Every structure is written in structure tokens, then in C-alpha cells.
Amino acid sequence: MERKTLVDTVADQLLDRIIAGVIEVGSVLPSEADIAADANVSRLTVREALKALRAKNVVNVQRGRGTYINPPEVWTSLDAMMRATARGVGEGSASCSCWKCGA
């Protein structure tokens, strides 16, 4: 079994929060520094995790404006789309907007 890297773990945590609706489609992600502090990792780790999500078209980086969440219809990762479908994207509502609680 392949071990997950820290980058994979952070990317998965972000994707889980997007799928759960904690981070809404179309909204801007917190800064790299904020995500790094909340996840207790370096900014470089967060930057690599965002690159992984960008490669799957889950996020869209707009220079000088921030990183925005793309709608699931444009995601290019089969794994991400299957996870979103299995969890029912858009069902329920998040009770907290906190990045790390996942509620």
C-alpha cells in the first residue's frame, strides 16, 4: 500500500472541505499562510497541495485575487468527481466556516 505524502493529505483535506460545503464553490480559499497555520504545515506544502488541486481543475488560481473553487462539473479528476458524487455535493449545510473543523 502506498503511503500518502503530507501534500496529498493537505490536498485531500481541502477537497473534503470543498465536497462537504465548508468551502463553497465559487468562493476564495483562505491564504496559503492561513491554511498552513491551521494544518500545521509549511506554506510550501500548501502550495504543492494547491498545485495538485489545480491540476485536477478543482481550484482556479487568479494572480493577485486568490484561489477560487471551481464547480464539480469542470473537475478533471475522476477520483475527485467520484468522491463528490458519493458524498452528495451540495447536500446539507455546513455549520461552521472554519477551515480545519470540517463541520
N, C-alpha and C. Protein backbone atom coordinates (compact mmCIF):
# COMPACT_ATOMS: atom_id res chain seq x y z
N MET A 1 0.84 -1.18 0.00
CA MET A 1 0.00 0.00 0.00
C MET A 1 0.89 1.25 0.00
N GLU A 2 0.54 2.19 -0.85
CA GLU A 2 1.33 3.40 -1.00
C GLU A 2 1.04 4.37 0.14
N ARG A 3 2.11 4.93 0.70
CA ARG A 3 1.95 5.91 1.78
C ARG A 3 1.59 7.26 1.19
N LYS A 4 0.71 7.97 1.86
CA LYS A 4 0.33 9.31 1.44
C LYS A 4 1.37 10.31 1.92
N THR A 5 1.67 11.25 1.07
CA THR A 5 2.58 12.32 1.46
C THR A 5 1.79 13.39 2.21
N LEU A 6 2.50 14.27 2.85
CA LEU A 6 1.86 15.38 3.56
C LEU A 6 1.10 16.27 2.57
N VAL A 7 1.66 16.43 1.39
CA VAL A 7 0.99 17.21 0.34
C VAL A 7 -0.35 16.56 -0.02
N ASP A 8 -0.34 15.23 -0.20
CA ASP A 8 -1.58 14.52 -0.52
C ASP A 8 -2.60 14.67 0.60
N THR A 9 -2.14 14.61 1.83
CA THR A 9 -3.03 14.72 2.98
C THR A 9 -3.69 16.10 3.02
N VAL A 10 -2.92 17.16 2.80
CA VAL A 10 -3.47 18.52 2.82
C VAL A 10 -4.43 18.70 1.64
N ALA A 11 -4.07 18.20 0.47
CA ALA A 11 -4.95 18.31 -0.70
C ALA A 11 -6.26 17.57 -0.45
N ASP A 12 -6.17 16.39 0.15
CA ASP A 12 -7.39 15.62 0.47
C ASP A 12 -8.25 16.34 1.50
N GLN A 13 -7.62 16.96 2.49
CA GLN A 13 -8.38 17.70 3.50
C GLN A 13 -9.11 18.87 2.86
N LEU A 14 -8.44 19.59 1.98
CA LEU A 14 -9.09 20.70 1.29
C LEU A 14 -10.24 20.20 0.42
N LEU A 15 -10.01 19.12 -0.32
CA LEU A 15 -11.05 18.57 -1.17
C LEU A 15 -12.24 18.10 -0.34
N ASP A 16 -11.98 17.47 0.80
CA ASP A 16 -13.06 17.05 1.69
C ASP A 16 -13.90 18.23 2.14
N ARG A 17 -13.26 19.35 2.46
CA ARG A 17 -13.99 20.53 2.92
C ARG A 17 -14.79 21.17 1.78
N ILE A 18 -14.25 21.08 0.58
CA ILE A 18 -14.99 21.59 -0.59
C ILE A 18 -16.22 20.73 -0.82
N ILE A 19 -16.03 19.42 -0.82
CA ILE A 19 -17.14 18.49 -1.06
C ILE A 19 -18.20 18.62 0.03
N ALA A 20 -17.76 18.83 1.28
CA ALA A 20 -18.70 18.94 2.40
C ALA A 20 -19.43 20.29 2.40
N GLY A 21 -18.97 21.23 1.60
CA GLY A 21 -19.61 22.54 1.55
C GLY A 21 -19.07 23.53 2.56
N VAL A 22 -18.05 23.13 3.30
CA VAL A 22 -17.43 24.06 4.26
C VAL A 22 -16.78 25.21 3.49
N ILE A 23 -16.17 24.87 2.37
CA ILE A 23 -15.63 25.87 1.44
C ILE A 23 -16.52 25.77 0.21
N GLU A 24 -17.28 26.81 -0.07
CA GLU A 24 -18.28 26.77 -1.13
C GLU A 24 -17.69 26.98 -2.51
N VAL A 25 -18.32 26.33 -3.49
CA VAL A 25 -17.95 26.50 -4.88
C VAL A 25 -18.05 27.98 -5.23
N GLY A 26 -17.05 28.49 -5.92
CA GLY A 26 -17.03 29.90 -6.31
C GLY A 26 -16.38 30.81 -5.30
N SER A 27 -16.18 30.31 -4.08
CA SER A 27 -15.59 31.16 -3.05
C SER A 27 -14.06 31.09 -3.13
N VAL A 28 -13.45 32.04 -2.46
CA VAL A 28 -11.99 32.09 -2.43
C VAL A 28 -11.48 31.30 -1.22
N LEU A 29 -10.40 30.58 -1.43
CA LEU A 29 -9.77 29.85 -0.33
C LEU A 29 -9.06 30.83 0.60
N PRO A 30 -8.86 30.44 1.85
CA PRO A 30 -8.02 31.26 2.72
C PRO A 30 -6.61 31.35 2.13
N SER A 31 -5.81 32.25 2.63
CA SER A 31 -4.44 32.40 2.13
C SER A 31 -3.62 31.14 2.42
N GLU A 32 -2.54 30.97 1.67
CA GLU A 32 -1.64 29.85 1.91
C GLU A 32 -1.13 29.86 3.34
N ALA A 33 -0.83 31.05 3.84
CA ALA A 33 -0.31 31.17 5.21
C ALA A 33 -1.36 30.70 6.23
N ASP A 34 -2.61 31.08 6.02
CA ASP A 34 -3.68 30.66 6.94
C ASP A 34 -3.90 29.15 6.90
N ILE A 35 -3.92 28.59 5.70
CA ILE A 35 -4.10 27.14 5.56
C ILE A 35 -2.93 26.42 6.21
N ALA A 36 -1.72 26.92 5.98
CA ALA A 36 -0.52 26.30 6.56
C ALA A 36 -0.57 26.33 8.08
N ALA A 37 -0.97 27.45 8.64
CA ALA A 37 -1.05 27.57 10.10
C ALA A 37 -2.11 26.63 10.66
N ASP A 38 -3.26 26.57 10.03
CA ASP A 38 -4.34 25.70 10.50
C ASP A 38 -3.98 24.22 10.39
N ALA A 39 -3.28 23.85 9.32
CA ALA A 39 -2.92 22.45 9.08
C ALA A 39 -1.59 22.08 9.74
N ASN A 40 -0.91 23.08 10.30
CA ASN A 40 0.39 22.87 10.95
C ASN A 40 1.42 22.29 9.97
N VAL A 41 1.47 22.90 8.77
CA VAL A 41 2.43 22.52 7.75
C VAL A 41 3.07 23.79 7.19
N SER A 42 4.06 23.63 6.34
CA SER A 42 4.71 24.79 5.74
C SER A 42 3.88 25.33 4.58
N ARG A 43 4.16 26.56 4.22
CA ARG A 43 3.48 27.15 3.05
C ARG A 43 3.84 26.41 1.78
N LEU A 44 5.05 25.88 1.72
CA LEU A 44 5.45 25.10 0.54
C LEU A 44 4.57 23.86 0.39
N THR A 45 4.25 23.20 1.49
CA THR A 45 3.37 22.04 1.45
C THR A 45 1.99 22.44 0.93
N VAL A 46 1.47 23.55 1.44
CA VAL A 46 0.16 24.04 0.98
C VAL A 46 0.22 24.40 -0.49
N ARG A 47 1.28 25.06 -0.90
CA ARG A 47 1.42 25.45 -2.31
C ARG A 47 1.41 24.22 -3.21
N GLU A 48 2.10 23.16 -2.82
CA GLU A 48 2.12 21.92 -3.60
C GLU A 48 0.74 21.25 -3.61
N ALA A 49 0.05 21.30 -2.48
CA ALA A 49 -1.31 20.74 -2.41
C ALA A 49 -2.25 21.50 -3.35
N LEU A 50 -2.11 22.81 -3.39
CA LEU A 50 -2.94 23.62 -4.28
C LEU A 50 -2.60 23.34 -5.74
N LYS A 51 -1.32 23.08 -6.03
CA LYS A 51 -0.93 22.71 -7.39
C LYS A 51 -1.61 21.40 -7.80
N ALA A 52 -1.67 20.46 -6.86
CA ALA A 52 -2.32 19.17 -7.14
C ALA A 52 -3.81 19.39 -7.43
N LEU A 53 -4.46 20.24 -6.64
CA LEU A 53 -5.88 20.53 -6.87
C LEU A 53 -6.09 21.31 -8.16
N ARG A 54 -5.14 22.16 -8.47
CA ARG A 54 -5.23 22.92 -9.72
C ARG A 54 -5.09 21.99 -10.92
N ALA A 55 -4.23 21.00 -10.82
CA ALA A 55 -4.04 20.03 -11.91
C ALA A 55 -5.31 19.23 -12.17
N LYS A 56 -6.15 19.09 -11.13
CA LYS A 56 -7.43 18.37 -11.25
C LYS A 56 -8.56 19.32 -11.60
N ASN A 57 -8.23 20.61 -11.78
CA ASN A 57 -9.19 21.67 -12.10
C ASN A 57 -10.22 21.87 -10.99
N VAL A 58 -9.84 21.53 -9.76
CA VAL A 58 -10.72 21.75 -8.61
C VAL A 58 -10.67 23.22 -8.19
N VAL A 59 -9.49 23.82 -8.34
CA VAL A 59 -9.33 25.23 -7.99
C VAL A 59 -8.79 25.99 -9.19
N ASN A 60 -9.00 27.29 -9.15
CA ASN A 60 -8.54 28.20 -10.19
C ASN A 60 -7.78 29.33 -9.51
N VAL A 61 -6.50 29.45 -9.82
CA VAL A 61 -5.67 30.48 -9.21
C VAL A 61 -5.73 31.73 -10.07
N GLN A 62 -6.11 32.83 -9.45
CA GLN A 62 -6.16 34.12 -10.14
C GLN A 62 -5.13 35.03 -9.48
N ARG A 63 -4.08 35.31 -10.18
CA ARG A 63 -3.00 36.12 -9.62
C ARG A 63 -3.49 37.44 -9.05
N GLY A 64 -3.07 37.70 -7.84
CA GLY A 64 -3.43 38.95 -7.18
C GLY A 64 -4.83 38.96 -6.59
N ARG A 65 -5.64 37.93 -6.87
CA ARG A 65 -7.01 37.89 -6.36
C ARG A 65 -7.24 36.75 -5.40
N GLY A 66 -6.61 35.59 -5.65
CA GLY A 66 -6.78 34.45 -4.77
C GLY A 66 -7.02 33.17 -5.53
N THR A 67 -7.32 32.12 -4.77
CA THR A 67 -7.58 30.80 -5.34
C THR A 67 -9.06 30.49 -5.13
N TYR A 68 -9.77 30.26 -6.22
CA TYR A 68 -11.21 30.06 -6.20
C TYR A 68 -11.57 28.60 -6.47
N ILE A 69 -12.70 28.17 -5.92
CA ILE A 69 -13.18 26.81 -6.10
C ILE A 69 -14.02 26.72 -7.37
N ASN A 70 -13.64 25.80 -8.25
CA ASN A 70 -14.40 25.54 -9.47
C ASN A 70 -15.58 24.62 -9.17
N PRO A 71 -16.65 24.72 -9.95
CA PRO A 71 -17.78 23.79 -9.77
C PRO A 71 -17.35 22.37 -10.15
N PRO A 72 -17.92 21.36 -9.50
CA PRO A 72 -17.54 19.97 -9.77
C PRO A 72 -17.69 19.56 -11.24
N GLU A 73 -18.56 20.21 -11.98
CA GLU A 73 -18.77 19.87 -13.39
C GLU A 73 -17.52 20.05 -14.23
N VAL A 74 -16.59 20.90 -13.79
CA VAL A 74 -15.38 21.15 -14.58
C VAL A 74 -14.15 20.43 -14.03
N TRP A 75 -14.31 19.71 -12.92
CA TRP A 75 -13.19 18.96 -12.37
C TRP A 75 -12.76 17.90 -13.37
N THR A 76 -11.47 17.63 -13.45
CA THR A 76 -10.96 16.65 -14.40
C THR A 76 -10.46 15.37 -13.72
N SER A 77 -10.53 15.30 -12.42
CA SER A 77 -10.09 14.12 -11.68
C SER A 77 -11.27 13.20 -11.43
N LEU A 78 -11.18 11.98 -11.95
CA LEU A 78 -12.24 11.01 -11.73
C LEU A 78 -12.41 10.74 -10.24
N ASP A 79 -11.29 10.63 -9.52
CA ASP A 79 -11.35 10.38 -8.08
C ASP A 79 -12.11 11.49 -7.36
N ALA A 80 -11.80 12.74 -7.68
CA ALA A 80 -12.47 13.87 -7.03
C ALA A 80 -13.96 13.88 -7.36
N MET A 81 -14.30 13.61 -8.61
CA MET A 81 -15.72 13.61 -9.01
C MET A 81 -16.47 12.46 -8.33
N MET A 82 -15.84 11.30 -8.22
CA MET A 82 -16.49 10.17 -7.56
C MET A 82 -16.70 10.45 -6.07
N ARG A 83 -15.70 11.08 -5.44
CA ARG A 83 -15.84 11.43 -4.02
C ARG A 83 -16.98 12.43 -3.83
N ALA A 84 -17.07 13.40 -4.73
CA ALA A 84 -18.13 14.40 -4.64
C ALA A 84 -19.49 13.76 -4.84
N THR A 85 -19.61 12.85 -5.80
CA THR A 85 -20.87 12.17 -6.07
C THR A 85 -21.27 11.28 -4.89
N ALA A 86 -20.30 10.56 -4.35
CA ALA A 86 -20.58 9.65 -3.23
C ALA A 86 -21.04 10.41 -1.99
N ARG A 87 -20.55 11.62 -1.80
CA ARG A 87 -20.92 12.40 -0.62
C ARG A 87 -22.07 13.35 -0.87
N GLY A 88 -22.55 13.40 -2.10
CA GLY A 88 -23.70 14.26 -2.41
C GLY A 88 -23.36 15.72 -2.31
N VAL A 89 -22.55 16.22 -3.24
CA VAL A 89 -22.16 17.63 -3.21
C VAL A 89 -23.38 18.51 -3.14
N GLY A 90 -23.34 19.47 -2.21
CA GLY A 90 -24.42 20.42 -2.06
C GLY A 90 -25.50 19.99 -1.10
N GLU A 91 -25.47 18.75 -0.61
CA GLU A 91 -26.48 18.30 0.34
C GLU A 91 -26.13 18.80 1.73
N GLY A 92 -27.13 19.22 2.47
CA GLY A 92 -26.89 19.70 3.83
C GLY A 92 -26.19 21.04 3.80
N SER A 93 -25.93 21.53 4.98
CA SER A 93 -25.19 22.79 5.06
C SER A 93 -24.18 22.69 6.18
N ALA A 94 -23.09 23.36 5.97
CA ALA A 94 -22.04 23.35 6.98
C ALA A 94 -22.42 24.28 8.12
N SER A 95 -22.13 23.89 9.34
CA SER A 95 -22.49 24.71 10.47
C SER A 95 -21.36 25.65 10.87
N CYS A 96 -20.20 25.46 10.29
CA CYS A 96 -19.05 26.27 10.65
C CYS A 96 -18.28 26.62 9.39
N SER A 97 -17.73 27.80 9.32
CA SER A 97 -16.94 28.17 8.16
C SER A 97 -15.46 28.00 8.44
N CYS A 98 -15.13 27.40 9.55
CA CYS A 98 -13.74 27.18 9.93
C CYS A 98 -13.09 26.19 8.97
N TRP A 99 -11.89 26.47 8.53
CA TRP A 99 -11.18 25.61 7.60
C TRP A 99 -10.89 24.24 8.20
N LYS A 100 -10.48 24.19 9.44
CA LYS A 100 -9.98 22.93 9.96
C LYS A 100 -10.98 22.06 10.70
N CYS A 101 -12.12 22.58 11.10
CA CYS A 101 -13.03 21.74 11.87
C CYS A 101 -13.79 20.76 10.99
N GLY A 102 -14.01 21.10 9.71
CA GLY A 102 -14.68 20.20 8.79
C GLY A 102 -16.16 20.05 9.03
N ALA A 103 -16.72 20.88 9.88
CA ALA A 103 -18.15 20.78 10.18
C ALA A 103 -18.98 21.46 9.11
